[in-house]
């Protein structure tokens, strides 16, 4: 449960600083100076404002948000251009068919009450999705598609979905078995 910052140059990678945090970390996503982080074993995400200017040592989140309907979030990515947050819900880690993708189209507005309600999100879940334990997610703007590392289904898959505007059960547009898939 540490965040570690490195400086990367053409010839080296150097440890810059470490930050102890009070949460059980999973996925992270940097957006300028903000760092979004998943609170594992929960329906929450936190934000660290001005993250890269923080002094080494223990830091506390600037904000904490709960996402209605999520059992256990893992994957996270944010598209600053559209203001859309993308999350995965692994559901129960012991079940391989209860995963979901959660899309929050107007993230800044949705978090104003510290809880993102079901009406403020698009949720993709169901048997056709092949989502069991989706552990990571990435957004690709050219094709308006999300890609998901699915860990439990058939030993691992990379799934792709054209970004939907309504909730429901839909088949992936892209589906490739990748043993042990854990990141995008």
N, C-alpha and C. Protein backbone atom coordinates (compact mmCIF):
# COMPACT_ATOMS: atom_id res chain seq x y z
N UNK A 1 0.82 -1.20 0.00
CA UNK A 1 0.00 0.00 0.00
C UNK A 1 0.86 1.25 0.00
N UNK A 2 1.66 1.30 -1.05
CA UNK A 2 2.52 2.45 -1.29
C UNK A 2 2.36 2.89 -2.72
N UNK A 3 2.57 4.17 -2.93
CA UNK A 3 2.67 4.72 -4.26
C UNK A 3 4.13 5.10 -4.45
N UNK A 4 4.71 4.66 -5.55
CA UNK A 4 6.13 4.87 -5.79
C UNK A 4 6.29 5.69 -7.07
N UNK A 5 7.08 6.75 -7.00
CA UNK A 5 7.28 7.64 -8.13
C UNK A 5 8.73 7.52 -8.61
N UNK A 6 8.87 7.31 -9.92
CA UNK A 6 10.18 7.21 -10.53
C UNK A 6 10.37 8.35 -11.53
N UNK A 7 11.60 8.79 -11.71
CA UNK A 7 11.96 9.72 -12.77
C UNK A 7 12.60 8.89 -13.88
N UNK A 8 12.10 9.07 -15.09
CA UNK A 8 12.59 8.29 -16.22
C UNK A 8 13.27 9.22 -17.21
N UNK A 9 14.49 8.89 -17.56
CA UNK A 9 15.23 9.64 -18.57
C UNK A 9 15.60 8.67 -19.69
N UNK A 10 16.18 9.16 -20.76
CA UNK A 10 16.58 8.24 -21.85
C UNK A 10 17.59 7.18 -21.42
N UNK A 11 18.31 7.43 -20.33
CA UNK A 11 19.37 6.48 -19.94
C UNK A 11 19.17 5.83 -18.58
N UNK A 12 18.12 6.24 -17.84
CA UNK A 12 17.97 5.65 -16.51
C UNK A 12 16.55 5.78 -15.97
N UNK A 13 16.30 4.96 -14.97
CA UNK A 13 15.07 5.04 -14.18
C UNK A 13 15.53 5.19 -12.74
N UNK A 14 15.10 6.28 -12.10
CA UNK A 14 15.57 6.60 -10.76
C UNK A 14 14.40 6.74 -9.80
N UNK A 15 14.50 6.11 -8.65
CA UNK A 15 13.48 6.26 -7.62
C UNK A 15 13.45 7.71 -7.18
N UNK A 16 12.28 8.33 -7.25
CA UNK A 16 12.12 9.73 -6.85
C UNK A 16 11.62 9.81 -5.41
N UNK A 17 10.49 9.14 -5.12
CA UNK A 17 9.93 9.17 -3.77
C UNK A 17 8.88 8.09 -3.61
N UNK A 18 8.57 7.78 -2.37
CA UNK A 18 7.51 6.83 -2.05
C UNK A 18 6.52 7.51 -1.12
N UNK A 19 5.26 7.05 -1.25
CA UNK A 19 4.18 7.57 -0.41
C UNK A 19 3.45 6.40 0.23
N UNK A 20 3.40 6.37 1.53
CA UNK A 20 2.55 5.42 2.22
C UNK A 20 1.13 5.97 2.16
N UNK A 21 0.17 5.07 1.98
CA UNK A 21 -1.24 5.47 1.95
C UNK A 21 -2.02 4.58 2.90
N UNK A 22 -3.18 5.07 3.34
CA UNK A 22 -3.96 4.34 4.33
C UNK A 22 -4.98 3.40 3.71
N UNK A 23 -4.98 3.29 2.38
CA UNK A 23 -5.96 2.43 1.72
C UNK A 23 -5.28 1.18 1.17
N UNK A 24 -6.09 0.18 0.89
CA UNK A 24 -5.64 -1.04 0.24
C UNK A 24 -5.71 -0.77 -1.27
N UNK A 25 -4.58 -0.48 -1.89
CA UNK A 25 -4.53 -0.05 -3.28
C UNK A 25 -4.76 -1.18 -4.28
N UNK A 26 -5.37 -0.81 -5.41
CA UNK A 26 -5.39 -1.69 -6.57
C UNK A 26 -4.97 -0.86 -7.78
N UNK A 27 -5.89 -0.47 -8.67
CA UNK A 27 -5.52 0.27 -9.88
C UNK A 27 -5.30 1.75 -9.62
N UNK A 28 -4.49 2.38 -10.50
CA UNK A 28 -4.27 3.82 -10.43
C UNK A 28 -4.34 4.41 -11.84
N UNK A 29 -4.62 5.71 -11.90
CA UNK A 29 -4.61 6.43 -13.17
C UNK A 29 -4.25 7.88 -12.89
N UNK A 30 -3.22 8.37 -13.56
CA UNK A 30 -2.80 9.77 -13.42
C UNK A 30 -3.46 10.62 -14.49
N UNK A 31 -3.95 11.78 -14.09
CA UNK A 31 -4.54 12.75 -15.00
C UNK A 31 -3.95 14.11 -14.64
N UNK A 32 -2.89 14.49 -15.36
CA UNK A 32 -2.19 15.72 -14.98
C UNK A 32 -1.60 15.54 -13.60
N UNK A 33 -1.93 16.44 -12.69
CA UNK A 33 -1.43 16.35 -11.32
C UNK A 33 -2.30 15.53 -10.39
N UNK A 34 -3.47 15.07 -10.88
CA UNK A 34 -4.35 14.24 -10.05
C UNK A 34 -4.01 12.78 -10.24
N UNK A 35 -4.11 12.03 -9.16
CA UNK A 35 -3.96 10.58 -9.24
C UNK A 35 -5.23 9.96 -8.69
N UNK A 36 -5.90 9.17 -9.53
CA UNK A 36 -7.06 8.39 -9.11
C UNK A 36 -6.54 7.03 -8.65
N UNK A 37 -7.09 6.51 -7.56
CA UNK A 37 -6.66 5.19 -7.07
C UNK A 37 -7.88 4.41 -6.59
N UNK A 38 -7.85 3.12 -6.86
CA UNK A 38 -8.91 2.21 -6.44
C UNK A 38 -8.65 1.74 -5.02
N UNK A 39 -9.70 1.74 -4.20
CA UNK A 39 -9.64 1.16 -2.87
C UNK A 39 -10.11 -0.29 -3.03
N UNK A 40 -9.17 -1.23 -2.97
CA UNK A 40 -9.49 -2.64 -3.18
C UNK A 40 -10.49 -3.12 -2.13
N UNK A 41 -11.21 -4.17 -2.49
CA UNK A 41 -12.22 -4.77 -1.61
C UNK A 41 -13.32 -3.79 -1.24
N UNK A 42 -13.65 -2.89 -2.18
CA UNK A 42 -14.68 -1.89 -1.90
C UNK A 42 -15.31 -1.41 -3.20
N UNK A 43 -16.23 -0.48 -3.05
CA UNK A 43 -16.87 0.19 -4.19
C UNK A 43 -16.34 1.62 -4.32
N UNK A 44 -15.13 1.87 -3.81
CA UNK A 44 -14.62 3.23 -3.71
C UNK A 44 -13.39 3.51 -4.57
N UNK A 45 -13.27 4.79 -4.91
CA UNK A 45 -12.03 5.29 -5.48
C UNK A 45 -11.69 6.58 -4.76
N UNK A 46 -10.41 6.89 -4.74
CA UNK A 46 -9.93 8.10 -4.09
C UNK A 46 -9.15 8.94 -5.10
N UNK A 47 -8.98 10.21 -4.74
CA UNK A 47 -8.21 11.13 -5.58
C UNK A 47 -7.15 11.78 -4.72
N UNK A 48 -5.94 11.85 -5.26
CA UNK A 48 -4.85 12.60 -4.64
C UNK A 48 -4.59 13.80 -5.54
N UNK A 49 -4.95 14.99 -5.09
CA UNK A 49 -4.71 16.20 -5.87
C UNK A 49 -3.24 16.60 -5.75
N UNK A 50 -2.73 17.24 -6.80
CA UNK A 50 -1.36 17.73 -6.83
C UNK A 50 -0.37 16.63 -6.43
N UNK A 51 -0.65 15.43 -6.88
CA UNK A 51 0.09 14.24 -6.45
C UNK A 51 1.60 14.34 -6.67
N UNK A 52 2.01 14.77 -7.84
CA UNK A 52 3.44 14.73 -8.16
C UNK A 52 4.25 15.81 -7.43
N UNK A 53 3.56 16.75 -6.78
CA UNK A 53 4.25 17.78 -5.99
C UNK A 53 4.24 17.48 -4.49
N UNK A 54 3.68 16.34 -4.11
CA UNK A 54 3.65 15.96 -2.69
C UNK A 54 5.04 15.53 -2.23
N UNK A 55 5.37 15.88 -1.02
CA UNK A 55 6.64 15.44 -0.43
C UNK A 55 6.57 13.95 -0.14
N UNK A 56 7.71 13.30 -0.17
CA UNK A 56 7.78 11.88 0.15
C UNK A 56 7.21 11.65 1.54
N UNK A 57 6.67 10.46 1.75
CA UNK A 57 6.11 10.11 3.05
C UNK A 57 4.62 9.82 2.94
N UNK A 58 3.97 9.77 4.06
CA UNK A 58 2.55 9.44 4.11
C UNK A 58 1.72 10.57 3.50
N UNK A 59 0.78 10.19 2.64
CA UNK A 59 -0.16 11.16 2.10
C UNK A 59 -1.59 10.67 2.33
N UNK A 60 -2.50 11.61 2.36
CA UNK A 60 -3.92 11.32 2.57
C UNK A 60 -4.67 11.76 1.32
N UNK A 61 -5.68 10.99 0.96
CA UNK A 61 -6.46 11.33 -0.22
C UNK A 61 -7.15 12.68 -0.06
N UNK A 62 -7.35 13.36 -1.18
CA UNK A 62 -8.06 14.64 -1.20
C UNK A 62 -9.56 14.42 -1.19
N UNK A 63 -10.01 13.30 -1.76
CA UNK A 63 -11.44 12.99 -1.83
C UNK A 63 -11.62 11.49 -1.95
N UNK A 64 -12.81 11.03 -1.54
CA UNK A 64 -13.17 9.61 -1.62
C UNK A 64 -14.59 9.53 -2.14
N UNK A 65 -14.78 8.63 -3.13
CA UNK A 65 -16.09 8.49 -3.77
C UNK A 65 -16.52 7.03 -3.77
N UNK A 66 -17.82 6.83 -3.59
CA UNK A 66 -18.42 5.50 -3.63
C UNK A 66 -19.22 5.38 -4.93
N UNK A 67 -19.18 4.18 -5.52
CA UNK A 67 -19.87 3.94 -6.79
C UNK A 67 -20.98 2.91 -6.54
N UNK A 68 -22.24 3.38 -6.59
CA UNK A 68 -23.38 2.48 -6.38
C UNK A 68 -23.33 1.29 -7.31
N UNK A 69 -23.61 0.12 -6.77
CA UNK A 69 -23.71 -1.09 -7.57
C UNK A 69 -22.42 -1.87 -7.72
N UNK A 70 -21.28 -1.25 -7.45
CA UNK A 70 -20.02 -1.97 -7.56
C UNK A 70 -19.81 -2.81 -6.31
N UNK A 71 -19.39 -4.06 -6.53
CA UNK A 71 -19.06 -4.95 -5.42
C UNK A 71 -17.59 -4.76 -5.05
N UNK A 72 -16.72 -4.87 -6.04
CA UNK A 72 -15.28 -4.77 -5.80
C UNK A 72 -14.61 -4.23 -7.06
N UNK A 73 -14.27 -2.96 -7.04
CA UNK A 73 -13.67 -2.35 -8.21
C UNK A 73 -12.18 -2.66 -8.29
N UNK A 74 -11.67 -2.72 -9.50
CA UNK A 74 -10.24 -2.99 -9.73
C UNK A 74 -9.67 -2.07 -10.80
N UNK A 75 -10.13 -2.23 -12.05
CA UNK A 75 -9.57 -1.47 -13.15
C UNK A 75 -10.10 -0.04 -13.19
N UNK A 76 -9.24 0.88 -13.63
CA UNK A 76 -9.63 2.28 -13.70
C UNK A 76 -8.88 2.97 -14.84
N UNK A 77 -9.60 3.80 -15.58
CA UNK A 77 -8.97 4.72 -16.53
C UNK A 77 -9.90 5.91 -16.67
N UNK A 78 -9.33 7.04 -17.04
CA UNK A 78 -10.09 8.28 -17.16
C UNK A 78 -9.75 8.94 -18.48
N UNK A 79 -10.77 9.38 -19.20
CA UNK A 79 -10.57 10.12 -20.44
C UNK A 79 -10.86 11.59 -20.14
N UNK A 80 -9.81 12.38 -20.01
CA UNK A 80 -9.96 13.80 -19.66
C UNK A 80 -10.67 14.58 -20.76
N UNK A 81 -10.50 14.20 -22.01
CA UNK A 81 -11.13 14.92 -23.12
C UNK A 81 -12.65 14.91 -22.99
N UNK A 82 -13.22 13.77 -22.66
CA UNK A 82 -14.67 13.66 -22.53
C UNK A 82 -15.14 13.76 -21.08
N UNK A 83 -14.22 13.68 -20.13
CA UNK A 83 -14.60 13.71 -18.72
C UNK A 83 -15.25 12.42 -18.26
N UNK A 84 -14.88 11.31 -18.91
CA UNK A 84 -15.50 10.02 -18.61
C UNK A 84 -14.56 9.12 -17.82
N UNK A 85 -15.09 8.53 -16.75
CA UNK A 85 -14.36 7.57 -15.93
C UNK A 85 -14.83 6.17 -16.32
N UNK A 86 -13.87 5.24 -16.43
CA UNK A 86 -14.15 3.84 -16.75
C UNK A 86 -13.61 2.99 -15.61
N UNK A 87 -14.45 2.09 -15.10
CA UNK A 87 -14.07 1.22 -13.99
C UNK A 87 -14.48 -0.22 -14.31
N UNK A 88 -13.82 -1.16 -13.65
CA UNK A 88 -14.29 -2.54 -13.71
C UNK A 88 -14.74 -2.96 -12.32
N UNK A 89 -15.69 -3.88 -12.31
CA UNK A 89 -16.20 -4.47 -11.08
C UNK A 89 -15.98 -5.97 -11.19
N UNK A 90 -15.10 -6.52 -10.34
CA UNK A 90 -14.85 -7.96 -10.41
C UNK A 90 -15.94 -8.76 -9.72
N UNK A 91 -16.83 -8.06 -9.01
CA UNK A 91 -17.87 -8.78 -8.28
C UNK A 91 -17.22 -9.61 -7.19
N UNK A 92 -17.68 -10.82 -7.02
CA UNK A 92 -17.07 -11.73 -6.07
C UNK A 92 -15.87 -12.37 -6.74
N UNK A 93 -14.72 -12.30 -6.10
CA UNK A 93 -13.51 -12.90 -6.67
C UNK A 93 -13.62 -14.40 -6.86
N UNK A 94 -14.55 -15.05 -6.16
CA UNK A 94 -14.71 -16.50 -6.24
C UNK A 94 -15.67 -16.93 -7.35
N UNK A 95 -16.31 -15.98 -8.02
CA UNK A 95 -17.30 -16.28 -9.05
C UNK A 95 -16.77 -15.76 -10.38
N UNK A 96 -16.87 -16.57 -11.45
CA UNK A 96 -16.27 -16.17 -12.73
C UNK A 96 -17.26 -15.65 -13.76
N UNK A 97 -18.46 -15.23 -13.32
CA UNK A 97 -19.41 -14.71 -14.30
C UNK A 97 -20.21 -13.50 -13.79
N UNK A 98 -19.67 -12.79 -12.81
CA UNK A 98 -20.43 -11.66 -12.24
C UNK A 98 -19.72 -10.32 -12.39
N UNK A 99 -18.80 -10.21 -13.34
CA UNK A 99 -18.07 -8.98 -13.54
C UNK A 99 -18.86 -7.95 -14.34
N UNK A 100 -18.33 -6.71 -14.35
CA UNK A 100 -19.01 -5.63 -15.06
C UNK A 100 -18.03 -4.53 -15.42
N UNK A 101 -18.44 -3.73 -16.39
CA UNK A 101 -17.77 -2.47 -16.72
C UNK A 101 -18.72 -1.36 -16.29
N UNK A 102 -18.18 -0.34 -15.63
CA UNK A 102 -18.97 0.81 -15.23
C UNK A 102 -18.38 2.04 -15.90
N UNK A 103 -19.23 2.76 -16.62
CA UNK A 103 -18.83 3.97 -17.34
C UNK A 103 -19.58 5.14 -16.72
N UNK A 104 -18.82 6.17 -16.34
CA UNK A 104 -19.43 7.36 -15.73
C UNK A 104 -19.16 8.52 -16.67
N UNK A 105 -20.14 8.83 -17.57
CA UNK A 105 -19.91 9.80 -18.63
C UNK A 105 -19.59 11.22 -18.15
N UNK A 106 -20.20 11.72 -17.15
CA UNK A 106 -19.94 13.08 -16.67
C UNK A 106 -19.40 12.98 -15.25
N UNK A 107 -18.17 12.50 -15.14
CA UNK A 107 -17.59 12.16 -13.85
C UNK A 107 -17.58 13.34 -12.88
N UNK A 108 -17.19 14.52 -13.34
CA UNK A 108 -17.10 15.68 -12.45
C UNK A 108 -18.44 16.00 -11.80
N UNK A 109 -19.49 15.89 -12.56
CA UNK A 109 -20.83 16.14 -12.02
C UNK A 109 -21.28 14.99 -11.13
N UNK A 110 -21.01 13.77 -11.56
CA UNK A 110 -21.47 12.58 -10.83
C UNK A 110 -20.89 12.49 -9.42
N UNK A 111 -19.68 12.98 -9.21
CA UNK A 111 -19.04 12.85 -7.90
C UNK A 111 -19.38 13.99 -6.97
N UNK A 112 -20.20 14.93 -7.39
CA UNK A 112 -20.49 16.10 -6.57
C UNK A 112 -21.10 15.75 -5.22
N UNK A 113 -21.81 14.64 -5.13
CA UNK A 113 -22.38 14.22 -3.86
C UNK A 113 -21.59 13.13 -3.17
N UNK A 114 -20.39 12.83 -3.65
CA UNK A 114 -19.49 11.80 -3.13
C UNK A 114 -19.97 10.37 -3.36
N UNK A 115 -21.14 10.21 -3.98
CA UNK A 115 -21.64 8.89 -4.36
C UNK A 115 -22.12 8.99 -5.80
N UNK A 116 -21.61 8.09 -6.65
CA UNK A 116 -22.08 8.03 -8.03
C UNK A 116 -23.26 7.07 -8.05
N UNK A 117 -24.44 7.59 -8.34
CA UNK A 117 -25.64 6.77 -8.32
C UNK A 117 -25.75 5.93 -9.60
N UNK A 118 -26.62 4.95 -9.57
CA UNK A 118 -26.83 4.08 -10.74
C UNK A 118 -27.30 4.89 -11.94
N UNK A 119 -28.06 5.95 -11.72
CA UNK A 119 -28.57 6.76 -12.83
C UNK A 119 -27.49 7.60 -13.49
N UNK A 120 -26.32 7.72 -12.85
CA UNK A 120 -25.22 8.51 -13.39
C UNK A 120 -24.17 7.65 -14.09
N UNK A 121 -24.48 6.38 -14.29
CA UNK A 121 -23.51 5.46 -14.87
C UNK A 121 -24.15 4.54 -15.89
N UNK A 122 -23.31 4.01 -16.75
CA UNK A 122 -23.70 2.96 -17.70
C UNK A 122 -23.00 1.70 -17.21
N UNK A 123 -23.76 0.62 -17.03
CA UNK A 123 -23.20 -0.63 -16.50
C UNK A 123 -23.39 -1.74 -17.52
N UNK A 124 -22.28 -2.36 -17.91
CA UNK A 124 -22.30 -3.47 -18.84
C UNK A 124 -22.01 -4.75 -18.05
N UNK A 125 -22.98 -5.66 -18.03
CA UNK A 125 -22.84 -6.90 -17.26
C UNK A 125 -23.78 -7.94 -17.86
N UNK A 126 -23.47 -9.20 -17.60
CA UNK A 126 -24.33 -10.28 -18.06
C UNK A 126 -23.55 -11.37 -18.76
N UNK A 127 -24.22 -12.46 -19.05
CA UNK A 127 -23.58 -13.64 -19.62
C UNK A 127 -22.90 -13.37 -20.97
N UNK A 128 -23.47 -12.54 -21.80
CA UNK A 128 -22.90 -12.28 -23.12
C UNK A 128 -21.58 -11.53 -23.07
N UNK A 129 -21.32 -10.80 -21.99
CA UNK A 129 -20.12 -9.96 -21.89
C UNK A 129 -18.84 -10.76 -21.71
N UNK A 130 -18.93 -11.96 -21.15
CA UNK A 130 -17.79 -12.79 -20.78
C UNK A 130 -16.97 -12.17 -19.65
N UNK A 131 -17.57 -11.22 -18.93
CA UNK A 131 -16.89 -10.55 -17.82
C UNK A 131 -17.11 -11.35 -16.54
N UNK A 132 -16.02 -11.91 -16.01
CA UNK A 132 -16.08 -12.65 -14.75
C UNK A 132 -15.35 -11.87 -13.68
N UNK A 133 -14.07 -11.68 -13.89
CA UNK A 133 -13.23 -10.89 -12.98
C UNK A 133 -12.38 -9.92 -13.80
N UNK A 134 -13.00 -8.85 -14.33
CA UNK A 134 -12.25 -7.88 -15.13
C UNK A 134 -11.34 -7.04 -14.24
N UNK A 135 -10.04 -7.21 -14.40
CA UNK A 135 -9.08 -6.60 -13.47
C UNK A 135 -8.45 -5.31 -13.96
N UNK A 136 -8.56 -5.00 -15.25
CA UNK A 136 -7.99 -3.75 -15.76
C UNK A 136 -8.79 -3.30 -16.96
N UNK A 137 -8.71 -1.99 -17.25
CA UNK A 137 -9.46 -1.41 -18.36
C UNK A 137 -8.66 -0.27 -18.97
N UNK A 138 -8.80 -0.10 -20.27
CA UNK A 138 -8.17 1.02 -20.98
C UNK A 138 -9.15 1.54 -22.02
N UNK A 139 -9.09 2.84 -22.28
CA UNK A 139 -9.96 3.46 -23.28
C UNK A 139 -9.14 3.84 -24.51
N UNK A 140 -9.68 3.55 -25.68
CA UNK A 140 -9.04 3.88 -26.96
C UNK A 140 -9.99 4.80 -27.71
N UNK A 141 -9.60 6.08 -27.85
CA UNK A 141 -10.50 7.10 -28.39
C UNK A 141 -10.75 6.98 -29.89
N UNK A 142 -9.78 6.53 -30.66
CA UNK A 142 -9.95 6.46 -32.12
C UNK A 142 -11.14 5.56 -32.48
N UNK A 143 -11.23 4.41 -31.87
CA UNK A 143 -12.33 3.48 -32.14
C UNK A 143 -13.45 3.59 -31.14
N UNK A 144 -13.32 4.52 -30.17
CA UNK A 144 -14.31 4.67 -29.09
C UNK A 144 -14.61 3.32 -28.45
N UNK A 145 -13.55 2.68 -27.98
CA UNK A 145 -13.65 1.32 -27.45
C UNK A 145 -12.92 1.21 -26.12
N UNK A 146 -13.43 0.35 -25.26
CA UNK A 146 -12.71 0.00 -24.04
C UNK A 146 -12.19 -1.42 -24.19
N UNK A 147 -11.00 -1.64 -23.67
CA UNK A 147 -10.40 -2.97 -23.64
C UNK A 147 -10.26 -3.38 -22.18
N UNK A 148 -10.54 -4.64 -21.92
CA UNK A 148 -10.57 -5.15 -20.56
C UNK A 148 -9.71 -6.40 -20.45
N UNK A 149 -8.89 -6.45 -19.39
CA UNK A 149 -8.18 -7.68 -19.05
C UNK A 149 -9.11 -8.47 -18.14
N UNK A 150 -9.58 -9.58 -18.65
CA UNK A 150 -10.51 -10.46 -17.94
C UNK A 150 -9.72 -11.65 -17.43
N UNK A 151 -9.66 -11.81 -16.13
CA UNK A 151 -8.77 -12.80 -15.52
C UNK A 151 -9.38 -14.18 -15.36
N UNK A 152 -10.66 -14.29 -15.07
CA UNK A 152 -11.23 -15.58 -14.68
C UNK A 152 -11.81 -16.38 -15.83
N UNK A 153 -12.24 -15.76 -16.87
CA UNK A 153 -12.95 -16.45 -17.94
C UNK A 153 -11.97 -17.15 -18.87
N UNK A 154 -12.02 -18.48 -18.90
CA UNK A 154 -11.18 -19.30 -19.77
C UNK A 154 -9.68 -19.09 -19.53
N UNK A 155 -9.32 -18.78 -18.28
CA UNK A 155 -7.91 -18.60 -17.94
C UNK A 155 -7.34 -17.24 -18.26
N UNK A 156 -8.15 -16.38 -18.87
CA UNK A 156 -7.73 -15.02 -19.20
C UNK A 156 -8.11 -14.64 -20.61
N UNK A 157 -8.60 -13.43 -20.77
CA UNK A 157 -9.00 -12.91 -22.07
C UNK A 157 -8.73 -11.41 -22.12
N UNK A 158 -8.58 -10.91 -23.33
CA UNK A 158 -8.64 -9.48 -23.58
C UNK A 158 -9.94 -9.27 -24.35
N UNK A 159 -10.81 -8.45 -23.78
CA UNK A 159 -12.11 -8.18 -24.40
C UNK A 159 -12.18 -6.71 -24.79
N UNK A 160 -12.84 -6.43 -25.90
CA UNK A 160 -13.05 -5.05 -26.35
C UNK A 160 -14.51 -4.79 -26.59
N UNK A 161 -14.97 -3.62 -26.16
CA UNK A 161 -16.36 -3.22 -26.31
C UNK A 161 -16.42 -1.80 -26.87
N UNK A 162 -17.21 -1.58 -27.93
CA UNK A 162 -17.50 -0.21 -28.34
C UNK A 162 -18.22 0.43 -27.16
N UNK A 163 -17.84 1.65 -26.81
CA UNK A 163 -18.40 2.29 -25.61
C UNK A 163 -19.91 2.47 -25.78
N UNK A 164 -20.67 1.83 -24.91
CA UNK A 164 -22.13 1.94 -24.99
C UNK A 164 -22.64 3.20 -24.30
N UNK A 165 -23.85 3.58 -24.64
CA UNK A 165 -24.49 4.72 -23.99
C UNK A 165 -25.63 4.28 -23.07
N UNK A 166 -25.98 3.00 -23.10
CA UNK A 166 -27.02 2.47 -22.22
C UNK A 166 -26.52 1.20 -21.54
N UNK A 167 -27.04 0.94 -20.38
CA UNK A 167 -26.67 -0.25 -19.61
C UNK A 167 -27.25 -1.50 -20.26
N UNK A 168 -26.60 -2.64 -20.00
CA UNK A 168 -27.14 -3.89 -20.50
C UNK A 168 -26.11 -4.98 -20.64
N UNK A 169 -26.55 -6.08 -21.20
CA UNK A 169 -25.73 -7.26 -21.47
C UNK A 169 -25.41 -7.26 -22.96
N UNK A 170 -24.13 -7.17 -23.32
CA UNK A 170 -23.75 -7.17 -24.73
C UNK A 170 -22.48 -7.96 -24.93
N UNK A 171 -22.35 -8.51 -26.09
CA UNK A 171 -21.16 -9.28 -26.46
C UNK A 171 -20.01 -8.34 -26.79
N UNK A 172 -18.79 -8.78 -26.50
CA UNK A 172 -17.64 -7.96 -26.87
C UNK A 172 -17.45 -7.92 -28.39
N UNK A 173 -16.89 -6.80 -28.87
CA UNK A 173 -16.53 -6.67 -30.29
C UNK A 173 -15.19 -7.34 -30.56
N UNK A 174 -14.38 -7.49 -29.50
CA UNK A 174 -13.06 -8.08 -29.61
C UNK A 174 -12.95 -9.09 -28.48
N UNK A 175 -12.41 -10.29 -28.78
CA UNK A 175 -12.35 -11.35 -27.78
C UNK A 175 -11.15 -12.24 -28.11
N UNK A 176 -10.13 -12.17 -27.31
CA UNK A 176 -8.93 -12.99 -27.56
C UNK A 176 -8.52 -13.67 -26.24
N UNK A 177 -8.36 -14.98 -26.28
CA UNK A 177 -7.88 -15.70 -25.11
C UNK A 177 -6.41 -15.34 -24.90
N UNK A 178 -6.10 -14.87 -23.71
CA UNK A 178 -4.75 -14.52 -23.31
C UNK A 178 -4.55 -15.06 -21.89
N UNK A 179 -3.87 -16.18 -21.79
CA UNK A 179 -3.69 -16.83 -20.50
C UNK A 179 -3.08 -15.88 -19.49
N UNK A 180 -3.71 -15.77 -18.32
CA UNK A 180 -3.19 -14.96 -17.25
C UNK A 180 -3.37 -13.46 -17.43
N UNK A 181 -4.21 -13.02 -18.35
CA UNK A 181 -4.40 -11.59 -18.61
C UNK A 181 -4.65 -10.86 -17.29
N UNK A 182 -3.87 -9.82 -17.05
CA UNK A 182 -4.03 -9.07 -15.79
C UNK A 182 -3.88 -7.58 -15.96
N UNK A 183 -3.49 -7.11 -17.12
CA UNK A 183 -3.32 -5.67 -17.34
C UNK A 183 -3.52 -5.33 -18.81
N UNK A 184 -3.93 -4.09 -19.02
CA UNK A 184 -4.06 -3.54 -20.37
C UNK A 184 -3.10 -2.37 -20.44
